[in-house]
PDB file of N, CA and C in Angstrom:
ATOM      1  N   MET A   1     -11.654  16.103   4.039  1.00  0.00           N
ATOM      2  CA  MET A   1     -10.305  15.605   3.819  1.00  0.00           C
ATOM      3  C   MET A   1     -10.282  14.817   2.505  1.00  0.00           C
ATOM      4  N   ASN A   2      -9.249  15.023   1.764  1.00  0.00           N
ATOM      5  CA  ASN A   2      -9.081  14.323   0.499  1.00  0.00           C
ATOM      6  C   ASN A   2      -8.792  12.839   0.762  1.00  0.00           C
ATOM      7  N   TRP A   3      -9.345  11.959  -0.068  1.00  0.00           N
ATOM      8  CA  TRP A   3      -9.155  10.517   0.116  1.00  0.00           C
ATOM      9  C   TRP A   3      -7.692  10.110  -0.016  1.00  0.00           C
ATOM     10  N   ASP A   4      -6.948  10.803  -0.863  1.00  0.00           N
ATOM     11  CA  ASP A   4      -5.531  10.470  -1.019  1.00  0.00           C
ATOM     12  C   ASP A   4      -4.760  10.723   0.274  1.00  0.00           C
ATOM     13  N   TRP A   5      -5.054  11.823   0.926  1.00  0.00           N
ATOM     14  CA  TRP A   5      -4.374  12.124   2.191  1.00  0.00           C
ATOM     15  C   TRP A   5      -4.758  11.120   3.269  1.00  0.00           C
ATOM     16  N   LEU A   6      -6.032  10.742   3.277  1.00  0.00           N
ATOM     17  CA  LEU A   6      -6.476   9.747   4.248  1.00  0.00           C
ATOM     18  C   LEU A   6      -5.785   8.407   4.012  1.00  0.00           C
ATOM     19  N   LEU A   7      -5.671   8.007   2.750  1.00  0.00           N
ATOM     20  CA  LEU A   7      -4.985   6.757   2.429  1.00  0.00           C
ATOM     21  C   LEU A   7      -3.508   6.820   2.812  1.00  0.00           C
ATOM     22  N   LEU A   8      -2.863   7.954   2.590  1.00  0.00           N
ATOM     23  CA  LEU A   8      -1.461   8.099   2.995  1.00  0.00           C
ATOM     24  C   LEU A   8      -1.297   8.038   4.518  1.00  0.00           C
ATOM     25  N   LEU A   9      -2.226   8.632   5.250  1.00  0.00           N
ATOM     26  CA  LEU A   9      -2.164   8.550   6.712  1.00  0.00           C
ATOM     27  C   LEU A   9      -2.343   7.110   7.195  1.00  0.00           C
ATOM     28  N   ILE A  10      -3.259   6.387   6.574  1.00  0.00           N
ATOM     29  CA  ILE A  10      -3.453   4.983   6.932  1.00  0.00           C
ATOM     30  C   ILE A  10      -2.206   4.175   6.594  1.00  0.00           C
ATOM     31  N   LEU A  11      -1.594   4.464   5.453  1.00  0.00           N
ATOM     32  CA  LEU A  11      -0.373   3.761   5.068  1.00  0.00           C
ATOM     33  C   LEU A  11       0.766   4.029   6.054  1.00  0.00           C
ATOM     34  N   LEU A  12       0.916   5.273   6.463  1.00  0.00           N
ATOM     35  CA  LEU A  12       1.964   5.600   7.436  1.00  0.00           C
ATOM     36  C   LEU A  12       1.710   4.924   8.778  1.00  0.00           C
ATOM     37  N   PHE A  13       0.464   4.939   9.225  1.00  0.00           N
ATOM     38  CA  PHE A  13       0.115   4.281  10.477  1.00  0.00           C
ATOM     39  C   PHE A  13       0.396   2.783  10.401  1.00  0.00           C
ATOM     40  N   THR A  14       0.046   2.175   9.274  1.00  0.00           N
ATOM     41  CA  THR A  14       0.284   0.753   9.085  1.00  0.00           C
ATOM     42  C   THR A  14       1.772   0.437   9.076  1.00  0.00           C
ATOM     43  N   ALA A  15       2.559   1.262   8.416  1.00  0.00           N
ATOM     44  CA  ALA A  15       4.001   1.022   8.366  1.00  0.00           C
ATOM     45  C   ALA A  15       4.620   1.120   9.762  1.00  0.00           C
ATOM     46  N   PHE A  16       4.213   2.133  10.524  1.00  0.00           N
ATOM     47  CA  PHE A  16       4.796   2.298  11.859  1.00  0.00           C
ATOM     48  C   PHE A  16       4.365   1.217  12.835  1.00  0.00           C
ATOM     49  N   THR A  17       3.185   0.649  12.642  1.00  0.00           N
ATOM     50  CA  THR A  17       2.718  -0.367  13.592  1.00  0.00           C
ATOM     51  C   THR A  17       3.102  -1.777  13.183  1.00  0.00           C
ATOM     52  N   GLN A  18       3.157  -2.081  11.890  1.00  0.00           N
ATOM     53  CA  GLN A  18       3.371  -3.458  11.456  1.00  0.00           C
ATOM     54  C   GLN A  18       4.809  -3.790  11.101  1.00  0.00           C
ATOM     55  N   LEU A  19       5.565  -2.843  10.619  1.00  0.00           N
ATOM     56  CA  LEU A  19       6.933  -3.134  10.198  1.00  0.00           C
ATOM     57  C   LEU A  19       7.826  -3.619  11.350  1.00  0.00           C
ATOM     58  N   PRO A  20       7.772  -3.030  12.535  1.00  0.00           N
ATOM     59  CA  PRO A  20       8.604  -3.573  13.628  1.00  0.00           C
ATOM     60  C   PRO A  20       8.258  -5.025  13.981  1.00  0.00           C
ATOM     61  N   SER A  21       6.983  -5.359  13.956  1.00  0.00           N
ATOM     62  CA  SER A  21       6.621  -6.751  14.274  1.00  0.00           C
ATOM     63  C   SER A  21       7.053  -7.699  13.163  1.00  0.00           C
ATOM     64  N   LEU A  22       7.023  -7.250  11.923  1.00  0.00           N
ATOM     65  CA  LEU A  22       7.516  -8.089  10.825  1.00  0.00           C
ATOM     66  C   LEU A  22       9.022  -8.305  10.924  1.00  0.00           C
ATOM     67  N   LEU A  23       9.740  -7.285  11.330  1.00  0.00           N
ATOM     68  CA  LEU A  23      11.189  -7.424  11.469  1.00  0.00           C
ATOM     69  C   LEU A  23      11.551  -8.356  12.622  1.00  0.00           C
ATOM     70  N   ARG A  24      10.725  -8.358  13.674  1.00  0.00           N
ATOM     71  CA  ARG A  24      10.972  -9.265  14.788  1.00  0.00           C
ATOM     72  C   ARG A  24      10.736 -10.723  14.402  1.00  0.00           C
ATOM     73  N   LEU A  25       9.863 -10.965  13.426  1.00  0.00           N
ATOM     74  CA  LEU A  25       9.603 -12.333  12.965  1.00  0.00           C
ATOM     75  C   LEU A  25      10.793 -12.921  12.202  1.00  0.00           C
ATOM     76  N   ARG A  26      11.633 -12.055  11.688  1.00  0.00           N
ATOM     77  CA  ARG A  26      12.808 -12.451  10.902  1.00  0.00           C
ATOM     78  C   ARG A  26      12.417 -13.288   9.690  1.00  0.00           C
ATOM     79  N   SER A  27      11.338 -12.873   9.057  1.00  0.00           N
ATOM     80  CA  SER A  27      10.870 -13.537   7.843  1.00  0.00           C
ATOM     81  C   SER A  27      11.072 -12.581   6.670  1.00  0.00           C
ATOM     82  N   PRO A  28      12.131 -12.785   5.897  1.00  0.00           N
ATOM     83  CA  PRO A  28      12.390 -11.858   4.791  1.00  0.00           C
ATOM     84  C   PRO A  28      11.285 -11.874   3.735  1.00  0.00           C
ATOM     85  N   GLN A  29      10.636 -13.007   3.551  1.00  0.00           N
ATOM     86  CA  GLN A  29       9.576 -13.082   2.543  1.00  0.00           C
ATOM     87  C   GLN A  29       8.381 -12.213   2.954  1.00  0.00           C
ATOM     88  N   ASP A  30       7.946 -12.336   4.199  1.00  0.00           N
ATOM     89  CA  ASP A  30       6.811 -11.541   4.662  1.00  0.00           C
ATOM     90  C   ASP A  30       7.132 -10.051   4.637  1.00  0.00           C
ATOM     91  N   THR A  31       8.322  -9.713   5.082  1.00  0.00           N
ATOM     92  CA  THR A  31       8.723  -8.318   5.107  1.00  0.00           C
ATOM     93  C   THR A  31       8.820  -7.737   3.710  1.00  0.00           C
ATOM     94  N   SER A  32       9.373  -8.495   2.776  1.00  0.00           N
ATOM     95  CA  SER A  32       9.509  -7.981   1.411  1.00  0.00           C
ATOM     96  C   SER A  32       8.154  -7.835   0.722  1.00  0.00           C
ATOM     97  N   VAL A  33       7.241  -8.774   0.946  1.00  0.00           N
ATOM     98  CA  VAL A  33       5.898  -8.655   0.348  1.00  0.00           C
ATOM     99  C   VAL A  33       5.181  -7.436   0.921  1.00  0.00           C
ATOM    100  N   PHE A  34       5.259  -7.252   2.230  1.00  0.00           N
ATOM    101  CA  PHE A  34       4.642  -6.085   2.848  1.00  0.00           C
ATOM    102  C   PHE A  34       5.220  -4.794   2.277  1.00  0.00           C
ATOM    103  N   CYS A  35       6.548  -4.728   2.175  1.00  0.00           N
ATOM    104  CA  CYS A  35       7.197  -3.512   1.673  1.00  0.00           C
ATOM    105  C   CYS A  35       6.847  -3.242   0.215  1.00  0.00           C
ATOM    106  N   VAL A  36       6.786  -4.288  -0.600  1.00  0.00           N
ATOM    107  CA  VAL A  36       6.448  -4.093  -2.020  1.00  0.00           C
ATOM    108  C   VAL A  36       5.034  -3.554  -2.163  1.00  0.00           C
ATOM    109  N   PHE A  37       4.065  -4.170  -1.475  1.00  0.00           N
ATOM    110  CA  PHE A  37       2.688  -3.679  -1.561  1.00  0.00           C
ATOM    111  C   PHE A  37       2.550  -2.292  -0.969  1.00  0.00           C
ATOM    112  N   TRP A  38       3.269  -2.031   0.116  1.00  0.00           N
ATOM    113  CA  TRP A  38       3.207  -0.714   0.732  1.00  0.00           C
ATOM    114  C   TRP A  38       3.772   0.344  -0.215  1.00  0.00           C
ATOM    115  N   LEU A  39       4.917   0.059  -0.823  1.00  0.00           N
ATOM    116  CA  LEU A  39       5.530   1.018  -1.746  1.00  0.00           C
ATOM    117  C   LEU A  39       4.677   1.230  -2.993  1.00  0.00           C
ATOM    118  N   LEU A  40       4.082   0.169  -3.512  1.00  0.00           N
ATOM    119  CA  LEU A  40       3.195   0.326  -4.672  1.00  0.00           C
ATOM    120  C   LEU A  40       2.007   1.219  -4.341  1.00  0.00           C
ATOM    121  N   THR A  41       1.382   0.950  -3.224  1.00  0.00           N
ATOM    122  CA  THR A  41       0.223   1.755  -2.839  1.00  0.00           C
ATOM    123  C   THR A  41       0.616   3.202  -2.588  1.00  0.00           C
ATOM    124  N   ALA A  42       1.714   3.414  -1.901  1.00  0.00           N
ATOM    125  CA  ALA A  42       2.155   4.784  -1.628  1.00  0.00           C
ATOM    126  C   ALA A  42       2.526   5.513  -2.913  1.00  0.00           C
ATOM    127  N   SER A  43       3.234   4.845  -3.821  1.00  0.00           N
ATOM    128  CA  SER A  43       3.633   5.518  -5.059  1.00  0.00           C
ATOM    129  C   SER A  43       2.438   5.819  -5.959  1.00  0.00           C
ATOM    130  N   PHE A  44       1.466   4.903  -6.034  1.00  0.00           N
ATOM    131  CA  PHE A  44       0.280   5.173  -6.838  1.00  0.00           C
ATOM    132  C   PHE A  44      -0.588   6.258  -6.216  1.00  0.00           C
ATOM    133  N   THR A  45      -0.611   6.320  -4.897  1.00  0.00           N
ATOM    134  CA  THR A  45      -1.373   7.376  -4.236  1.00  0.00           C
ATOM    135  C   THR A  45      -0.737   8.735  -4.488  1.00  0.00           C
ATOM    136  N   ILE A  46       0.573   8.808  -4.391  1.00  0.00           N
ATOM    137  CA  ILE A  46       1.269  10.072  -4.661  1.00  0.00           C
ATOM    138  C   ILE A  46       1.131  10.462  -6.128  1.00  0.00           C
ATOM    139  N   ALA A  47       1.183   9.490  -7.031  1.00  0.00           N
ATOM    140  CA  ALA A  47       0.986   9.782  -8.457  1.00  0.00           C
ATOM    141  C   ALA A  47      -0.426  10.286  -8.713  1.00  0.00           C
ATOM    142  N   ASP A  48      -1.397   9.724  -8.028  1.00  0.00           N
ATOM    143  CA  ASP A  48      -2.780  10.197  -8.179  1.00  0.00           C
ATOM    144  C   ASP A  48      -2.925  11.613  -7.647  1.00  0.00           C
ATOM    145  N   MET A  49      -2.239  11.918  -6.550  1.00  0.00           N
ATOM    146  CA  MET A  49      -2.279  13.280  -6.006  1.00  0.00           C
ATOM    147  C   MET A  49      -1.637  14.272  -6.968  1.00  0.00           C
ATOM    148  N   ALA A  50      -0.644  13.811  -7.732  1.00  0.00           N
ATOM    149  CA  ALA A  50       0.046  14.689  -8.675  1.00  0.00           C
ATOM    150  C   ALA A  50      -0.747  14.869  -9.968  1.00  0.00           C
ATOM    151  N   GLY A  51      -1.828  14.105 -10.126  1.00  0.00           N
ATOM    152  CA  GLY A  51      -2.672  14.274 -11.304  1.00  0.00           C
ATOM    153  C   GLY A  51      -2.456  13.241 -12.385  1.00  0.00           C
ATOM    154  N   SER A  52      -1.711  12.209 -12.100  1.00  0.00           N
ATOM    155  CA  SER A  52      -1.491  11.154 -13.082  1.00  0.00           C
ATOM    156  C   SER A  52      -2.778  10.365 -13.263  1.00  0.00           C
ATOM    157  N   THR A  53      -3.075  10.016 -14.504  1.00  0.00           N
ATOM    158  CA  THR A  53      -4.298   9.266 -14.783  1.00  0.00           C
ATOM    159  C   THR A  53      -3.996   7.835 -15.212  1.00  0.00           C
ATOM    160  N   LEU A  54      -2.772   7.374 -15.019  1.00  0.00           N
ATOM    161  CA  LEU A  54      -2.416   6.027 -15.452  1.00  0.00           C
ATOM    162  C   LEU A  54      -3.158   4.963 -14.661  1.00  0.00           C
ATOM    163  N   ILE A  55      -3.008   4.971 -13.364  1.00  0.00           N
ATOM    164  CA  ILE A  55      -3.673   3.984 -12.522  1.00  0.00           C
ATOM    165  C   ILE A  55      -3.969   4.614 -11.175  1.00  0.00           C
ATOM    166  N   ARG A  56      -5.132   4.331 -10.676  1.00  0.00           N
ATOM    167  CA  ARG A  56      -5.530   4.874  -9.382  1.00  0.00           C
ATOM    168  C   ARG A  56      -5.289   3.826  -8.308  1.00  0.00           C
ATOM    169  N   PRO A  57      -4.989   4.227  -7.077  1.00  0.00           N
ATOM    170  CA  PRO A  57      -4.605   3.272  -6.036  1.00  0.00           C
ATOM    171  C   PRO A  57      -5.658   2.204  -5.770  1.00  0.00           C
ATOM    172  N   MET A  58      -6.900   2.581  -5.659  1.00  0.00           N
ATOM    173  CA  MET A  58      -7.923   1.611  -5.312  1.00  0.00           C
ATOM    174  C   MET A  58      -8.264   0.691  -6.482  1.00  0.00           C
ATOM    175  N   ASN A  59      -7.998   1.112  -7.706  1.00  0.00           N
ATOM    176  CA  ASN A  59      -8.262   0.240  -8.850  1.00  0.00           C
ATOM    177  C   ASN A  59      -7.355  -0.977  -8.834  1.00  0.00           C
ATOM    178  N   TRP A  60      -6.070  -0.801  -8.552  1.00  0.00           N
ATOM    179  CA  TRP A  60      -5.189  -1.968  -8.553  1.00  0.00           C
ATOM    180  C   TRP A  60      -5.405  -2.823  -7.313  1.00  0.00           C
ATOM    181  N   VAL A  61      -5.794  -2.220  -6.201  1.00  0.00           N
ATOM    182  CA  VAL A  61      -6.118  -3.012  -5.013  1.00  0.00           C
ATOM    183  C   VAL A  61      -7.348  -3.868  -5.287  1.00  0.00           C
ATOM    184  N   TYR A  62      -8.364  -3.275  -5.908  1.00  0.00           N
ATOM    185  CA  TYR A  62      -9.578  -4.014  -6.247  1.00  0.00           C
ATOM    186  C   TYR A  62      -9.277  -5.150  -7.223  1.00  0.00           C
ATOM    187  N   SER A  63      -8.409  -4.911  -8.207  1.00  0.00           N
ATOM    188  CA  SER A  63      -8.108  -5.956  -9.179  1.00  0.00           C
ATOM    189  C   SER A  63      -7.351  -7.118  -8.539  1.00  0.00           C
ATOM    190  N   ILE A  64      -6.464  -6.844  -7.585  1.00  0.00           N
ATOM    191  CA  ILE A  64      -5.744  -7.915  -6.896  1.00  0.00           C
ATOM    192  C   ILE A  64      -6.699  -8.709  -6.017  1.00  0.00           C
ATOM    193  N   ILE A  65      -7.588  -8.029  -5.312  1.00  0.00           N
ATOM    194  CA  ILE A  65      -8.552  -8.732  -4.452  1.00  0.00           C
ATOM    195  C   ILE A  65      -9.478  -9.588  -5.301  1.00  0.00           C
ATOM    196  N   LYS A  66      -9.904  -9.051  -6.429  1.00  0.00           N
ATOM    197  CA  LYS A  66     -10.786  -9.806  -7.321  1.00  0.00           C
ATOM    198  C   LYS A  66     -10.050 -11.044  -7.870  1.00  0.00           C
ATOM    199  N   MET A  67      -8.779 -10.906  -8.206  1.00  0.00           N
ATOM    200  CA  MET A  67      -7.993 -12.032  -8.707  1.00  0.00           C
ATOM    201  C   MET A  67      -7.822 -13.113  -7.638  1.00  0.00           C
ATOM    202  N   LEU A  68      -7.598 -12.699  -6.394  1.00  0.00           N
ATOM    203  CA  LEU A  68      -7.359 -13.657  -5.316  1.00  0.00           C
ATOM    204  C   LEU A  68      -8.613 -14.344  -4.837  1.00  0.00           C
ATOM    205  N   SER A  69      -9.774 -13.729  -5.025  1.00  0.00           N
ATOM    206  CA  SER A  69     -11.009 -14.320  -4.521  1.00  0.00           C
ATOM    207  C   SER A  69     -11.628 -15.312  -5.491  1.00  0.00           C
ATOM    208  N   PHE A  70     -11.181 -15.346  -6.719  1.00  0.00           N
ATOM    209  CA  PHE A  70     -11.674 -16.252  -7.761  1.00  0.00           C
ATOM    210  C   PHE A  70     -13.158 -16.174  -7.858  1.00  0.00           C
TER     211      PHE A  70
END
């Protein structure tokens, strides 16, 4: 299985399981942060599947984790 397809399946599973609980919390900040990161990851994964070489999904995830861990 291609890693891009696996990442998309994980993203879909995460959206279906976590988004309803975020909406029940009624926290617009948490929901918007989740949606922004989810959309970024999904769009970069689809761009990588299409052959774009601008940025790969795991590269930007790694850079954010590295920035947050100091």
